[in-house]
Amino acid sequence: MWCSMLNLGYCVRSTINYMIHDKNKIDLSGLKGPQITSKVFIILYFVPMVLFLFVKDSTSYMFIALFGLIGISGLIKKYYQNIFEKGKEIIH
């Protein structure tokens, strides 16, 4: 919410011509969020498999599956990407 208000304030203070030019763009490359290691994604992938055995409510299945999906996407982005890069280094 506060980020939208900050952007809105920037738009109000600036003219359209000023915001259109490339040299006036806001650089966000230095901002990074918290880094999650691949071990956390492995845990998020395997814990729902165990929890499915003990949960009887169908609504809980959706929330548990959401954690599993987050784990899978993190594994694909972080863990498997590192493995493929190491494999390329060994081949070359």
Protein backbone atom coordinates (compact mmCIF):
# COMPACT_ATOMS: atom_id res chain seq x y z
CA MET A 1 0.00 0.00 0.00
CA TRP A 2 2.70 2.47 0.98
CA CYS A 3 4.60 1.69 -2.22
CA SER A 4 1.57 2.66 -4.30
CA MET A 5 1.23 5.90 -2.36
CA LEU A 6 4.93 6.61 -2.93
CA ASN A 7 4.55 6.06 -6.67
CA LEU A 8 1.42 8.19 -6.73
CA GLY A 9 3.32 11.01 -5.01
CA TYR A 10 6.09 10.74 -7.62
CA CYS A 11 3.52 10.99 -10.42
CA VAL A 12 1.85 14.03 -8.88
CA ARG A 13 5.17 15.88 -8.46
CA SER A 14 6.45 15.11 -11.96
CA THR A 15 5.25 16.10 -15.40
CA ILE A 16 4.42 13.53 -18.07
CA ASN A 17 7.33 14.65 -20.27
CA TYR A 18 9.74 14.20 -17.35
CA MET A 19 8.53 10.64 -16.65
CA ILE A 20 8.66 9.53 -20.31
CA HIS A 21 12.42 10.05 -20.85
CA ASP A 22 14.75 7.11 -20.21
CA LYS A 23 17.29 9.09 -18.22
CA ASN A 24 14.66 9.85 -15.56
CA LYS A 25 13.70 6.25 -14.78
CA ILE A 26 13.91 5.03 -11.20
CA ASP A 27 16.63 2.39 -10.82
CA LEU A 28 15.49 -0.51 -8.62
CA SER A 29 18.33 -2.90 -9.43
CA GLY A 30 20.00 -2.37 -6.05
CA LEU A 31 16.90 -3.35 -4.07
CA LYS A 32 16.62 -6.99 -3.12
CA GLY A 33 14.24 -8.79 -0.82
CA PRO A 34 15.18 -11.46 1.67
CA GLN A 35 17.10 -14.32 0.10
CA ILE A 36 15.60 -17.77 0.69
CA THR A 37 18.01 -20.69 0.44
CA SER A 38 17.28 -23.83 -1.53
CA LYS A 39 17.04 -25.82 1.73
CA VAL A 40 13.89 -23.90 2.68
CA PHE A 41 12.32 -24.75 -0.67
CA ILE A 42 13.19 -28.42 -0.19
CA ILE A 43 11.44 -28.34 3.18
CA LEU A 44 8.43 -26.56 1.67
CA TYR A 45 8.28 -29.31 -0.95
CA PHE A 46 8.46 -32.33 1.38
CA VAL A 47 6.49 -31.15 4.44
CA PRO A 48 3.13 -31.03 2.60
CA MET A 49 3.63 -34.64 1.52
CA VAL A 50 3.77 -35.67 5.16
CA LEU A 51 0.94 -33.37 6.23
CA PHE A 52 -1.42 -34.81 3.61
CA LEU A 53 -1.35 -38.09 5.53
CA PHE A 54 -2.66 -36.51 8.74
CA VAL A 55 -5.13 -33.86 7.53
CA LYS A 56 -8.76 -34.82 6.97
CA ASP A 57 -10.26 -31.43 6.03
CA SER A 58 -10.49 -30.59 2.32
CA THR A 59 -9.92 -26.86 2.89
CA SER A 60 -6.62 -27.62 4.59
CA TYR A 61 -5.53 -29.54 1.51
CA MET A 62 -5.60 -26.32 -0.53
CA PHE A 63 -3.38 -24.42 1.90
CA ILE A 64 -0.97 -27.32 2.23
CA ALA A 65 -0.85 -27.66 -1.56
CA LEU A 66 -0.05 -23.95 -1.81
CA PHE A 67 3.08 -24.49 0.30
CA GLY A 68 4.01 -27.41 -1.92
CA LEU A 69 3.63 -25.27 -5.04
CA ILE A 70 5.83 -22.56 -3.52
CA GLY A 71 8.41 -25.24 -2.77
CA ILE A 72 8.30 -26.62 -6.31
CA SER A 73 8.67 -23.21 -7.91
CA GLY A 74 11.59 -22.38 -5.62
CA LEU A 75 13.27 -25.69 -6.38
CA ILE A 76 12.99 -25.07 -10.10
CA LYS A 77 14.29 -21.51 -9.83
CA LYS A 78 17.11 -22.02 -7.31
CA TYR A 79 18.08 -25.65 -6.77
CA TYR A 80 17.79 -27.16 -10.24
CA GLN A 81 19.22 -24.07 -11.91
CA ASN A 82 22.36 -24.39 -9.78
CA ILE A 83 22.66 -28.08 -10.64
CA PHE A 84 22.38 -27.39 -14.38
CA GLU A 85 24.97 -24.60 -14.19
CA LYS A 86 27.42 -26.90 -12.38
CA GLY A 87 26.79 -29.58 -15.02
CA LYS A 88 27.59 -27.13 -17.80
CA GLU A 89 30.86 -26.21 -16.09
CA ILE A 90 31.87 -29.87 -15.84
CA ILE A 91 31.07 -30.55 -19.52
CA HIS A 92 32.98 -27.51 -20.78
